[in-house]
């Protein structure tokens, strides 16, 4: 069974978005979720209880389940993430360099034709989504 697909459909049905899933060394799952307006402790408890019952019914073997918000430095993975957070600061690490550089920090300026637009020092850098190794929001205070 594909746990990621199971989580994606279940969380969507509950009104949440699956941001990320990590599998821990001891056979556990870390589920990061989000929703408009942010995640509360009550949201985490509700989803944790629901997933515990779901995993029992679906015979998903695990040692530990952690459910949380993605935090202020939320990972960006999908096209919709880059669109949703347009205008915010982000750090992006590339698989292959663009302009002899693999790490960028700048303001998200949209998504077009399979590429992220990132404003860096007053210019726009075009980064193909397939070339992104890791991307995270950079909190502004």
N, C-alpha and C. Protein backbone atom coordinates (compact mmCIF):
# COMPACT_ATOMS: atom_id res chain seq x y z
N UNK A 1 0.83 -1.18 0.00
CA UNK A 1 0.00 0.00 0.00
C UNK A 1 0.88 1.25 0.00
N UNK A 2 0.52 2.22 -0.82
CA UNK A 2 1.25 3.48 -0.88
C UNK A 2 0.70 4.42 0.19
N UNK A 3 1.46 4.57 1.27
CA UNK A 3 1.02 5.38 2.40
C UNK A 3 0.83 6.84 1.99
N UNK A 4 1.70 7.33 1.11
CA UNK A 4 1.59 8.73 0.68
C UNK A 4 0.23 8.98 0.00
N UNK A 5 -0.17 8.09 -0.89
CA UNK A 5 -1.46 8.24 -1.57
C UNK A 5 -2.62 8.13 -0.58
N UNK A 6 -2.52 7.21 0.36
CA UNK A 6 -3.54 7.05 1.38
C UNK A 6 -3.67 8.33 2.21
N UNK A 7 -2.54 8.91 2.61
CA UNK A 7 -2.56 10.15 3.39
C UNK A 7 -3.10 11.31 2.58
N UNK A 8 -2.67 11.39 1.32
CA UNK A 8 -3.12 12.48 0.44
C UNK A 8 -4.64 12.50 0.34
N UNK A 9 -5.24 11.35 0.05
CA UNK A 9 -6.69 11.31 -0.12
C UNK A 9 -7.41 11.50 1.22
N UNK A 10 -6.88 10.94 2.29
CA UNK A 10 -7.52 11.07 3.60
C UNK A 10 -7.48 12.50 4.11
N UNK A 11 -6.31 13.13 4.05
CA UNK A 11 -6.19 14.50 4.55
C UNK A 11 -7.02 15.47 3.72
N UNK A 12 -7.04 15.27 2.41
CA UNK A 12 -7.86 16.14 1.56
C UNK A 12 -9.32 16.02 1.96
N UNK A 13 -9.78 14.80 2.21
CA UNK A 13 -11.16 14.58 2.64
C UNK A 13 -11.49 15.23 3.97
N UNK A 14 -10.48 15.41 4.81
CA UNK A 14 -10.68 16.04 6.11
C UNK A 14 -10.50 17.57 6.05
N UNK A 15 -10.12 18.08 4.87
CA UNK A 15 -9.95 19.53 4.72
C UNK A 15 -8.54 20.03 4.92
N UNK A 16 -7.56 19.12 4.86
CA UNK A 16 -6.16 19.49 5.04
C UNK A 16 -5.37 19.17 3.78
N UNK A 17 -4.16 19.70 3.72
CA UNK A 17 -3.24 19.43 2.62
C UNK A 17 -2.04 18.67 3.18
N UNK A 18 -1.66 17.57 2.53
CA UNK A 18 -0.44 16.87 2.91
C UNK A 18 0.74 17.65 2.35
N UNK A 19 1.58 18.19 3.22
CA UNK A 19 2.74 18.96 2.80
C UNK A 19 3.93 18.04 2.59
N UNK A 20 4.14 17.13 3.54
CA UNK A 20 5.29 16.24 3.44
C UNK A 20 5.06 15.02 4.33
N UNK A 21 5.76 13.95 3.98
CA UNK A 21 5.74 12.73 4.77
C UNK A 21 7.19 12.27 4.90
N UNK A 22 7.61 12.05 6.14
CA UNK A 22 8.94 11.52 6.39
C UNK A 22 8.80 10.18 7.09
N UNK A 23 9.66 9.25 6.72
CA UNK A 23 9.69 7.97 7.41
C UNK A 23 10.94 7.95 8.29
N UNK A 24 10.75 7.64 9.55
CA UNK A 24 11.86 7.68 10.49
C UNK A 24 12.56 6.32 10.55
N UNK A 25 13.75 6.33 11.10
CA UNK A 25 14.58 5.13 11.16
C UNK A 25 13.91 4.00 11.95
N UNK A 26 13.13 4.32 12.96
CA UNK A 26 12.50 3.30 13.79
C UNK A 26 11.18 2.79 13.25
N UNK A 27 10.84 3.10 12.01
CA UNK A 27 9.59 2.62 11.44
C UNK A 27 8.40 3.52 11.72
N UNK A 28 8.66 4.78 11.91
CA UNK A 28 7.58 5.73 12.19
C UNK A 28 7.31 6.65 11.02
N UNK A 29 6.23 7.40 11.16
CA UNK A 29 5.85 8.38 10.14
C UNK A 29 5.76 9.76 10.78
N UNK A 30 6.26 10.77 10.06
CA UNK A 30 6.06 12.17 10.41
C UNK A 30 5.21 12.77 9.29
N UNK A 31 4.03 13.22 9.65
CA UNK A 31 3.10 13.79 8.69
C UNK A 31 3.04 15.29 8.92
N UNK A 32 3.35 16.06 7.88
CA UNK A 32 3.26 17.51 7.94
C UNK A 32 2.07 17.94 7.11
N UNK A 33 1.16 18.69 7.71
CA UNK A 33 -0.07 19.08 7.03
C UNK A 33 -0.31 20.57 7.19
N UNK A 34 -1.20 21.09 6.35
CA UNK A 34 -1.51 22.52 6.40
C UNK A 34 -2.96 22.70 6.00
N UNK A 35 -3.48 23.88 6.27
CA UNK A 35 -4.80 24.30 5.81
C UNK A 35 -4.82 25.83 5.82
N UNK A 36 -5.76 26.40 5.12
CA UNK A 36 -5.89 27.86 5.12
C UNK A 36 -6.10 28.33 6.56
N UNK A 37 -5.35 29.32 6.95
CA UNK A 37 -5.45 29.84 8.31
C UNK A 37 -4.51 29.18 9.30
N UNK A 38 -3.83 28.10 8.87
CA UNK A 38 -2.85 27.46 9.72
C UNK A 38 -3.40 26.27 10.50
N UNK A 39 -2.49 25.57 11.16
CA UNK A 39 -2.80 24.35 11.89
C UNK A 39 -2.78 24.63 13.39
N UNK A 40 -3.76 24.06 14.10
CA UNK A 40 -3.80 24.18 15.56
C UNK A 40 -3.44 22.83 16.18
N UNK A 41 -3.23 22.84 17.48
CA UNK A 41 -2.96 21.60 18.20
C UNK A 41 -4.17 20.66 18.08
N UNK A 42 -5.36 21.23 18.10
CA UNK A 42 -6.58 20.41 17.97
C UNK A 42 -6.62 19.72 16.61
N UNK A 43 -6.18 20.42 15.55
CA UNK A 43 -6.12 19.80 14.22
C UNK A 43 -5.19 18.59 14.24
N UNK A 44 -4.05 18.74 14.88
CA UNK A 44 -3.08 17.63 14.96
C UNK A 44 -3.65 16.44 15.71
N UNK A 45 -4.36 16.70 16.81
CA UNK A 45 -4.97 15.63 17.59
C UNK A 45 -6.04 14.92 16.77
N UNK A 46 -6.88 15.69 16.11
CA UNK A 46 -7.96 15.11 15.28
C UNK A 46 -7.38 14.21 14.20
N UNK A 47 -6.39 14.71 13.47
CA UNK A 47 -5.81 13.94 12.37
C UNK A 47 -5.04 12.73 12.90
N UNK A 48 -4.32 12.89 13.99
CA UNK A 48 -3.58 11.78 14.58
C UNK A 48 -4.53 10.64 14.97
N UNK A 49 -5.62 10.98 15.62
CA UNK A 49 -6.61 9.96 16.01
C UNK A 49 -7.22 9.29 14.79
N UNK A 50 -7.54 10.08 13.78
CA UNK A 50 -8.12 9.54 12.55
C UNK A 50 -7.14 8.60 11.85
N UNK A 51 -5.89 9.02 11.72
CA UNK A 51 -4.88 8.20 11.03
C UNK A 51 -4.57 6.92 11.81
N UNK A 52 -4.58 6.98 13.13
CA UNK A 52 -4.34 5.79 13.93
C UNK A 52 -5.40 4.73 13.62
N UNK A 53 -6.67 5.14 13.57
CA UNK A 53 -7.74 4.20 13.24
C UNK A 53 -7.63 3.73 11.79
N UNK A 54 -7.32 4.66 10.87
CA UNK A 54 -7.19 4.31 9.45
C UNK A 54 -6.06 3.30 9.23
N UNK A 55 -4.91 3.53 9.85
CA UNK A 55 -3.78 2.62 9.69
C UNK A 55 -4.11 1.23 10.23
N UNK A 56 -4.91 1.17 11.30
CA UNK A 56 -5.31 -0.12 11.84
C UNK A 56 -6.20 -0.86 10.82
N UNK A 57 -7.16 -0.17 10.26
CA UNK A 57 -8.07 -0.77 9.28
C UNK A 57 -7.33 -1.19 8.02
N UNK A 58 -6.38 -0.37 7.57
CA UNK A 58 -5.65 -0.64 6.32
C UNK A 58 -4.40 -1.50 6.54
N UNK A 59 -4.18 -1.96 7.77
CA UNK A 59 -3.02 -2.79 8.12
C UNK A 59 -1.68 -2.14 7.74
N UNK A 60 -1.58 -0.85 8.03
CA UNK A 60 -0.32 -0.13 7.83
C UNK A 60 0.53 -0.34 9.08
N UNK A 61 1.70 -0.94 8.92
CA UNK A 61 2.58 -1.24 10.03
C UNK A 61 3.48 -0.03 10.31
N UNK A 62 3.45 0.44 11.55
CA UNK A 62 4.29 1.58 11.93
C UNK A 62 4.56 1.51 13.43
N UNK A 63 5.63 2.14 13.86
CA UNK A 63 5.98 2.18 15.28
C UNK A 63 5.48 3.44 15.96
N UNK A 64 5.55 4.56 15.23
CA UNK A 64 5.23 5.85 15.83
C UNK A 64 4.63 6.77 14.77
N UNK A 65 3.68 7.60 15.18
CA UNK A 65 3.05 8.56 14.27
C UNK A 65 3.16 9.95 14.88
N UNK A 66 3.71 10.87 14.11
CA UNK A 66 3.80 12.28 14.52
C UNK A 66 3.07 13.11 13.48
N UNK A 67 2.19 13.99 13.93
CA UNK A 67 1.43 14.85 13.04
C UNK A 67 1.69 16.29 13.46
N UNK A 68 2.08 17.14 12.50
CA UNK A 68 2.35 18.54 12.85
C UNK A 68 2.16 19.47 11.65
N UNK A 69 2.26 20.74 11.95
CA UNK A 69 2.25 21.75 10.89
C UNK A 69 3.63 21.76 10.24
N UNK A 70 3.75 22.31 9.04
CA UNK A 70 5.06 22.36 8.40
C UNK A 70 5.98 23.44 8.96
N UNK A 71 5.46 24.32 9.81
CA UNK A 71 6.26 25.38 10.40
C UNK A 71 6.37 26.60 9.50
N UNK A 72 7.02 27.62 10.02
CA UNK A 72 7.17 28.87 9.26
C UNK A 72 8.08 28.71 8.05
N UNK A 73 9.03 27.77 8.15
CA UNK A 73 9.96 27.53 7.03
C UNK A 73 9.48 26.33 6.21
N UNK A 74 8.20 26.34 5.93
CA UNK A 74 7.51 25.26 5.22
C UNK A 74 8.23 24.86 3.94
N UNK A 75 8.35 23.56 3.68
CA UNK A 75 8.92 23.12 2.41
C UNK A 75 7.98 23.43 1.25
N UNK A 76 8.56 23.72 0.11
CA UNK A 76 7.81 23.97 -1.13
C UNK A 76 8.13 22.84 -2.08
N UNK A 77 7.12 22.10 -2.52
CA UNK A 77 7.36 20.92 -3.33
C UNK A 77 6.60 20.93 -4.65
N UNK A 78 5.36 21.38 -4.59
CA UNK A 78 4.50 21.31 -5.77
C UNK A 78 4.35 22.67 -6.44
N UNK A 79 3.94 22.63 -7.69
CA UNK A 79 3.68 23.88 -8.43
C UNK A 79 2.74 24.78 -7.64
N UNK A 80 1.69 24.19 -7.05
CA UNK A 80 0.71 24.99 -6.31
C UNK A 80 1.34 25.70 -5.11
N UNK A 81 2.39 25.12 -4.51
CA UNK A 81 3.08 25.77 -3.40
C UNK A 81 3.73 27.08 -3.86
N UNK A 82 4.39 27.02 -5.01
CA UNK A 82 5.10 28.20 -5.51
C UNK A 82 4.12 29.29 -5.95
N UNK A 83 2.95 28.89 -6.41
CA UNK A 83 1.92 29.86 -6.79
C UNK A 83 1.32 30.47 -5.52
N UNK A 84 0.95 29.62 -4.58
CA UNK A 84 0.30 30.06 -3.34
C UNK A 84 1.16 31.04 -2.54
N UNK A 85 2.47 30.79 -2.51
CA UNK A 85 3.35 31.62 -1.69
C UNK A 85 4.13 32.66 -2.49
N UNK A 86 3.63 32.97 -3.67
CA UNK A 86 4.24 34.02 -4.50
C UNK A 86 4.30 35.32 -3.70
N UNK A 87 5.43 36.00 -3.76
CA UNK A 87 5.63 37.23 -3.01
C UNK A 87 6.37 37.03 -1.70
N UNK A 88 6.54 35.79 -1.29
CA UNK A 88 7.24 35.52 -0.04
C UNK A 88 8.69 35.12 -0.29
N UNK A 89 9.52 35.27 0.73
CA UNK A 89 10.92 34.89 0.63
C UNK A 89 11.09 33.38 0.68
N UNK A 90 12.05 32.88 -0.09
CA UNK A 90 12.31 31.44 -0.12
C UNK A 90 13.80 31.18 -0.33
N UNK A 91 14.23 30.01 0.14
CA UNK A 91 15.57 29.50 -0.13
C UNK A 91 15.41 28.27 -1.01
N UNK A 92 16.19 28.22 -2.08
CA UNK A 92 16.09 27.11 -3.03
C UNK A 92 17.48 26.52 -3.27
N UNK A 93 17.57 25.20 -3.14
CA UNK A 93 18.81 24.47 -3.43
C UNK A 93 18.57 23.66 -4.70
N UNK A 94 19.48 23.77 -5.66
CA UNK A 94 19.31 23.13 -6.96
C UNK A 94 20.07 21.82 -7.06
N UNK A 95 19.63 20.96 -7.98
CA UNK A 95 20.34 19.73 -8.29
C UNK A 95 21.55 20.03 -9.18
N UNK A 96 21.32 20.90 -10.16
CA UNK A 96 22.39 21.31 -11.09
C UNK A 96 22.46 22.83 -11.07
N UNK A 97 23.66 23.40 -11.14
CA UNK A 97 23.79 24.86 -11.04
C UNK A 97 23.15 25.62 -12.19
N UNK A 98 22.67 26.80 -11.87
CA UNK A 98 22.22 27.78 -12.86
C UNK A 98 23.09 29.00 -12.63
N UNK A 99 23.72 29.48 -13.68
CA UNK A 99 24.65 30.62 -13.58
C UNK A 99 25.73 30.33 -12.53
N UNK A 100 26.30 29.11 -12.55
CA UNK A 100 27.34 28.65 -11.65
C UNK A 100 26.94 28.74 -10.17
N UNK A 101 25.66 28.61 -9.88
CA UNK A 101 25.19 28.72 -8.50
C UNK A 101 24.14 27.64 -8.23
N UNK A 102 24.25 26.99 -7.04
CA UNK A 102 23.30 25.94 -6.68
C UNK A 102 22.35 26.35 -5.55
N UNK A 103 22.65 27.46 -4.87
CA UNK A 103 21.78 27.92 -3.78
C UNK A 103 21.33 29.35 -4.06
N UNK A 104 20.02 29.54 -3.94
CA UNK A 104 19.44 30.87 -4.17
C UNK A 104 18.54 31.24 -3.00
N UNK A 105 18.50 32.52 -2.73
CA UNK A 105 17.59 33.08 -1.75
C UNK A 105 16.97 34.32 -2.38
N UNK A 106 15.66 34.38 -2.37
CA UNK A 106 14.99 35.52 -2.99
C UNK A 106 13.50 35.46 -2.76
N UNK A 107 12.78 36.33 -3.48
CA UNK A 107 11.34 36.42 -3.34
C UNK A 107 10.66 35.68 -4.50
N UNK A 108 9.73 34.79 -4.16
CA UNK A 108 9.00 34.04 -5.18
C UNK A 108 8.20 35.02 -6.04
N UNK A 109 8.35 34.88 -7.35
CA UNK A 109 7.69 35.81 -8.28
C UNK A 109 6.76 35.08 -9.24
N UNK A 110 6.33 33.88 -8.87
CA UNK A 110 5.37 33.16 -9.70
C UNK A 110 5.91 31.86 -10.24
N UNK A 111 5.06 31.22 -11.04
CA UNK A 111 5.37 29.93 -11.64
C UNK A 111 4.82 29.93 -13.05
N UNK A 112 5.65 29.56 -14.02
CA UNK A 112 5.23 29.60 -15.41
C UNK A 112 5.98 28.55 -16.22
N UNK A 113 5.27 27.82 -17.06
CA UNK A 113 5.88 26.83 -17.96
C UNK A 113 6.80 25.84 -17.25
N UNK A 114 6.36 25.35 -16.08
CA UNK A 114 7.14 24.35 -15.36
C UNK A 114 8.33 24.90 -14.61
N UNK A 115 8.42 26.23 -14.48
CA UNK A 115 9.57 26.85 -13.81
C UNK A 115 9.13 27.86 -12.76
N UNK A 116 9.94 27.94 -11.71
CA UNK A 116 9.74 28.90 -10.64
C UNK A 116 10.45 30.19 -11.03
N UNK A 117 9.80 31.31 -10.81
CA UNK A 117 10.44 32.61 -10.99
C UNK A 117 10.83 33.11 -9.60
N UNK A 118 12.11 33.44 -9.44
CA UNK A 118 12.62 33.90 -8.16
C UNK A 118 13.34 35.23 -8.37
N UNK A 119 12.88 36.25 -7.64
CA UNK A 119 13.52 37.57 -7.73
C UNK A 119 14.72 37.60 -6.77
N UNK A 120 15.90 37.75 -7.36
CA UNK A 120 17.14 37.78 -6.60
C UNK A 120 17.89 39.05 -6.96
N UNK A 121 18.11 39.91 -5.98
CA UNK A 121 18.85 41.16 -6.19
C UNK A 121 18.33 41.96 -7.38
N UNK A 122 17.01 42.09 -7.48
CA UNK A 122 16.40 42.92 -8.52
C UNK A 122 16.28 42.27 -9.89
N UNK A 123 16.66 41.01 -10.04
CA UNK A 123 16.52 40.32 -11.33
C UNK A 123 15.77 39.02 -11.11
N UNK A 124 15.18 38.50 -12.16
CA UNK A 124 14.41 37.27 -12.07
C UNK A 124 15.26 36.08 -12.55
N UNK A 125 15.35 35.06 -11.70
CA UNK A 125 16.03 33.82 -12.05
C UNK A 125 14.95 32.78 -12.33
N UNK A 126 15.04 32.13 -13.48
CA UNK A 126 14.07 31.10 -13.86
C UNK A 126 14.66 29.73 -13.47
N UNK A 127 13.93 29.00 -12.64
CA UNK A 127 14.41 27.72 -12.13
C UNK A 127 13.40 26.62 -12.47
N UNK A 128 13.78 25.68 -13.33
CA UNK A 128 12.87 24.56 -13.64
C UNK A 128 12.55 23.77 -12.37
N UNK A 129 11.28 23.44 -12.18
CA UNK A 129 10.86 22.69 -11.00
C UNK A 129 11.64 21.38 -10.86
N UNK A 130 11.92 20.73 -11.99
CA UNK A 130 12.65 19.46 -11.97
C UNK A 130 14.09 19.61 -11.47
N UNK A 131 14.62 20.84 -11.46
CA UNK A 131 16.00 21.08 -11.02
C UNK A 131 16.07 21.46 -9.53
N UNK A 132 14.92 21.53 -8.87
CA UNK A 132 14.91 21.91 -7.46
C UNK A 132 15.09 20.69 -6.58
N UNK A 133 16.16 20.73 -5.78
CA UNK A 133 16.41 19.65 -4.82
C UNK A 133 15.60 19.90 -3.56
N UNK A 134 15.70 21.11 -3.00
CA UNK A 134 14.95 21.50 -1.81
C UNK A 134 14.56 22.96 -1.93
N UNK A 135 13.37 23.28 -1.45
CA UNK A 135 12.93 24.66 -1.40
C UNK A 135 12.12 24.86 -0.12
N UNK A 136 12.35 25.97 0.55
CA UNK A 136 11.65 26.28 1.79
C UNK A 136 11.34 27.76 1.84
N UNK A 137 10.23 28.08 2.50
CA UNK A 137 9.95 29.48 2.80
C UNK A 137 10.98 29.99 3.79
N UNK A 138 11.29 31.26 3.68
CA UNK A 138 12.19 31.90 4.62
C UNK A 138 11.36 32.89 5.42
N UNK A 139 11.12 32.61 6.71
CA UNK A 139 10.23 33.47 7.51
C UNK A 139 10.73 34.91 7.57
N UNK A 140 9.77 35.83 7.52
CA UNK A 140 10.06 37.26 7.67
C UNK A 140 9.44 37.73 8.98
N UNK A 141 10.22 38.44 9.77
CA UNK A 141 9.70 38.94 11.05
C UNK A 141 9.68 40.43 11.07
